[in-house]
Amino acid sequence: MCIQTCQCGDCFGSLSIGDVVPEELEFSVYQGNAERKISFKELRGKWVVLVFYPKDFTFVCPTELEDMQRHYEAFQSEGGEVISISTDTVEVHKAWHDHSPAIGTLTYPMGADPSHEMSEVFGVLIPEEGVAQRGTFIIDPEGVIRCVEITHDAIGRSAKETLRKLKAAKYVNEHPGNVCPAAWEEGGETLKPSLEMVGKI
């Protein structure tokens, strides 16, 4: 199966909200001083948070990934898995993990995308630079993309806010017909849209 933007029936372009991530899509990760492959087939049944970032050995990126590590147990308690991804190789991830105090704390998988396949599939590749944008994707247990956030390279993301969005996505997934209003926090009031509500908010 080819994973490129084209006109043939076996191919698909960039994934976005509501799309299902193909089970056969797989990539290498560095975790626990070892390399292994992960496929989206084995990720089914979990909430997955993909955190694309531009490059290893940079400046904003380690602050973001360390922030995700500080909240990693909270993501796991929600049935989620965090995976960071850049176009660097597994070997570069290892070197960064071995030398950076911030990255050395990471226990979640660090995805390697030197072929740019993952970055292209998720629509975050900057072709002329060969790196990924700061893109965050929240994927439900069925493989459906529920949330996408892409920020400018100079703007770091908040793990706390990503966790809030994951909890909101979980809530509406488990409570069909309900929606979470702005700044919703776990335990807060939700809404059930109906004609009777029109003009009353």
Protein backbone atom coordinates (compact mmCIF):
# COMPACT_ATOMS: atom_id res chain seq x y z
CA MET A 1 0.00 0.00 0.00
CA CYS A 2 1.39 3.42 -0.88
CA ILE A 3 1.03 6.30 1.53
CA GLN A 4 1.27 9.32 -0.74
CA THR A 5 -1.07 11.95 -2.12
CA CYS A 6 -2.14 10.74 -5.57
CA GLN A 7 -5.12 9.84 -7.71
CA CYS A 8 -5.07 6.06 -7.39
CA GLY A 9 -7.67 4.30 -5.31
CA ASP A 10 -5.14 2.61 -3.03
CA CYS A 11 -3.56 5.86 -1.81
CA PHE A 12 -4.64 8.64 0.51
CA GLY A 13 -3.47 12.15 1.28
CA SER A 14 -2.87 13.88 4.59
CA LEU A 15 -4.94 12.65 7.51
CA SER A 16 -7.10 15.10 9.44
CA ILE A 17 -10.01 15.32 11.90
CA GLY A 18 -12.37 12.35 11.60
CA ASP A 19 -10.00 10.24 9.51
CA VAL A 20 -8.99 6.76 10.62
CA VAL A 21 -5.26 6.11 10.90
CA PRO A 22 -4.50 2.89 8.94
CA GLU A 23 -3.55 -0.06 11.12
CA GLU A 24 -0.70 -1.01 8.79
CA LEU A 25 1.11 2.29 9.29
CA GLU A 26 4.22 1.58 11.37
CA PHE A 27 7.41 3.34 12.42
CA SER A 28 10.53 2.85 14.54
CA VAL A 29 10.84 4.20 18.06
CA TYR A 30 13.59 4.62 20.61
CA GLN A 31 12.55 3.70 24.15
CA GLY A 32 14.35 2.16 27.12
CA ASN A 33 17.72 2.19 25.36
CA ALA A 34 16.35 0.01 22.55
CA GLU A 35 14.84 0.30 19.07
CA ARG A 36 11.57 -1.33 18.11
CA LYS A 37 8.71 -1.00 15.64
CA ILE A 38 5.24 0.27 16.53
CA SER A 39 2.18 -0.11 14.30
CA PHE A 40 -1.17 1.55 14.70
CA LYS A 41 -2.68 -1.93 14.84
CA GLU A 42 -1.04 -2.50 18.24
CA LEU A 43 -2.08 0.99 19.32
CA ARG A 44 -5.77 0.24 18.77
CA GLY A 45 -7.63 0.26 22.06
CA LYS A 46 -5.58 3.16 23.43
CA TRP A 47 -5.88 6.91 23.21
CA VAL A 48 -2.76 8.01 21.35
CA VAL A 49 -1.13 11.44 21.52
CA LEU A 50 1.34 12.00 18.68
CA VAL A 51 3.67 14.92 19.29
CA PHE A 52 5.52 15.91 16.11
CA TYR A 53 8.42 18.33 16.56
CA PRO A 54 11.10 19.73 14.21
CA LYS A 55 14.50 18.46 15.35
CA ASP A 56 16.56 16.87 18.08
CA PHE A 57 19.32 18.94 19.71
CA THR A 58 17.31 22.16 19.47
CA PHE A 59 15.80 24.62 21.94
CA VAL A 60 12.00 24.69 22.28
CA CYS A 61 11.66 20.97 21.50
CA PRO A 62 13.31 19.61 24.68
CA THR A 63 11.14 21.87 26.86
CA GLU A 64 8.00 20.48 25.19
CA LEU A 65 9.06 16.84 25.44
CA GLU A 66 10.13 17.21 29.07
CA ASP A 67 6.76 18.84 29.81
CA MET A 68 5.02 15.82 28.25
CA GLN A 69 7.12 13.52 30.45
CA ARG A 70 6.00 15.39 33.57
CA HIS A 71 2.40 14.58 32.60
CA TYR A 72 3.07 11.12 31.16
CA GLU A 73 1.60 9.20 34.10
CA ALA A 74 -1.55 11.31 33.88
CA PHE A 75 -1.89 10.46 30.17
CA GLN A 76 -1.39 6.78 30.97
CA SER A 77 -4.03 6.92 33.70
CA GLU A 78 -6.48 8.07 31.00
CA GLY A 79 -5.62 5.01 28.90
CA GLY A 80 -3.35 7.03 26.67
CA GLU A 81 0.07 6.64 25.10
CA VAL A 82 2.33 9.57 24.24
CA ILE A 83 4.69 9.26 21.28
CA SER A 84 7.00 12.06 20.16
CA ILE A 85 8.08 12.05 16.50
CA SER A 86 10.67 13.90 14.46
CA THR A 87 12.43 13.19 11.17
CA ASP A 88 15.61 12.29 13.05
CA THR A 89 16.86 8.68 13.19
CA VAL A 90 16.70 6.34 16.17
CA GLU A 91 20.46 6.76 16.56
CA VAL A 92 20.13 10.54 16.87
CA HIS A 93 17.32 10.08 19.41
CA LYS A 94 19.62 7.86 21.46
CA ALA A 95 22.45 10.39 21.35
CA TRP A 96 20.07 13.17 22.40
CA HIS A 97 18.62 11.02 25.18
CA ASP A 98 22.14 10.20 26.40
CA HIS A 99 23.36 13.82 26.45
CA SER A 100 20.41 16.10 27.24
CA PRO A 101 19.29 16.40 30.90
CA ALA A 102 15.73 17.15 29.75
CA ILE A 103 15.46 14.39 27.15
CA GLY A 104 17.19 11.93 29.46
CA THR A 105 14.03 11.96 31.61
CA LEU A 106 11.81 10.63 28.79
CA THR A 107 10.30 7.18 29.24
CA TYR A 108 7.69 7.33 26.46
CA PRO A 109 8.53 6.23 22.88
CA MET A 110 10.46 8.62 20.63
CA GLY A 111 9.37 8.01 17.04
CA ALA A 112 11.90 8.20 14.20
CA ASP A 113 10.73 9.35 10.77
CA PRO A 114 13.82 9.77 8.55
CA SER A 115 11.82 8.64 5.50
CA HIS A 116 9.28 11.45 6.18
CA GLU A 117 6.43 8.96 5.71
CA MET A 118 4.73 9.73 9.03
CA SER A 119 5.17 13.49 8.64
CA GLU A 120 3.66 13.34 5.15
CA VAL A 121 0.74 11.13 6.19
CA PHE A 122 -0.17 13.50 9.01
CA GLY A 123 0.37 16.58 6.85
CA VAL A 124 3.05 18.25 8.99
CA LEU A 125 6.14 17.87 6.78
CA ILE A 126 7.97 21.02 5.68
CA PRO A 127 9.42 19.57 2.44
CA GLU A 128 12.03 22.22 1.77
CA GLU A 129 13.46 21.78 5.28
CA GLY A 130 12.91 18.04 5.71
CA VAL A 131 11.46 18.55 9.20
CA ALA A 132 8.03 18.35 10.81
CA GLN A 133 5.93 21.18 12.17
CA ARG A 134 4.88 21.25 15.81
CA GLY A 135 1.79 19.11 15.32
CA THR A 136 -0.22 17.34 18.02
CA PHE A 137 -2.76 14.63 17.13
CA ILE A 138 -5.14 12.99 19.61
CA ILE A 139 -6.36 9.64 18.25
CA ASP A 140 -9.15 7.60 19.85
CA PRO A 141 -9.07 3.81 20.54
CA GLU A 142 -10.71 3.12 17.17
CA GLY A 143 -7.96 5.01 15.36
CA VAL A 144 -10.07 8.11 14.62
CA ILE A 145 -8.31 11.48 14.82
CA ARG A 146 -10.23 13.61 17.33
CA CYS A 147 -7.98 16.65 17.74
CA VAL A 148 -5.27 18.38 15.71
CA GLU A 149 -3.10 21.29 16.83
CA ILE A 150 -0.28 22.82 14.76
CA THR A 151 1.75 25.74 16.07
CA HIS A 152 4.49 27.98 14.74
CA ASP A 153 8.02 26.70 15.29
CA ALA A 154 8.70 29.44 17.85
CA ILE A 155 5.64 28.61 19.99
CA GLY A 156 5.92 25.76 22.48
CA ARG A 157 2.92 23.65 23.44
CA SER A 158 1.44 22.83 26.84
CA ALA A 159 1.14 19.20 27.96
CA LYS A 160 -1.47 20.26 30.51
CA GLU A 161 -3.66 21.68 27.75
CA THR A 162 -3.18 18.58 25.59
CA LEU A 163 -4.22 16.44 28.57
CA ARG A 164 -7.33 18.61 29.04
CA LYS A 165 -8.23 18.09 25.38
CA LEU A 166 -7.71 14.35 25.70
CA LYS A 167 -10.08 14.25 28.69
CA ALA A 168 -12.66 16.27 26.75
CA ALA A 169 -12.34 13.93 23.77
CA LYS A 170 -12.79 10.94 26.08
CA TYR A 171 -15.85 12.48 27.70
CA VAL A 172 -17.72 13.18 24.47
CA ASN A 173 -16.71 9.76 23.13
CA GLU A 174 -18.21 8.09 26.21
CA HIS A 175 -21.26 10.40 26.38
CA PRO A 176 -22.72 10.67 22.85
CA GLY A 177 -24.83 13.77 22.29
CA ASN A 178 -22.90 15.83 24.82
CA VAL A 179 -20.36 18.55 24.03
CA CYS A 180 -17.71 20.25 26.13
CA PRO A 181 -17.85 24.07 26.25
CA ALA A 182 -14.87 26.40 26.18
CA ALA A 183 -12.23 25.84 28.87
CA TRP A 184 -14.04 22.69 30.05
CA GLU A 185 -12.24 20.84 32.83
CA GLU A 186 -12.88 17.31 34.07
CA GLY A 187 -15.96 17.31 36.31
CA GLY A 188 -17.29 20.54 34.81
CA GLU A 189 -20.69 21.07 33.22
CA THR A 190 -21.24 19.94 29.65
CA LEU A 191 -23.92 20.79 27.11
CA LYS A 192 -26.48 18.70 25.25
CA PRO A 193 -27.33 20.63 22.07
CA SER A 194 -31.00 20.91 21.10
CA LEU A 195 -33.32 23.38 19.40
CA GLU A 196 -34.53 24.47 22.83
CA MET A 197 -31.02 25.74 23.62
CA VAL A 198 -30.72 27.96 20.55
CA GLY A 199 -30.16 31.60 21.56
CA LYS A 200 -30.05 30.78 25.29
CA ILE A 201 -26.26 30.65 25.66
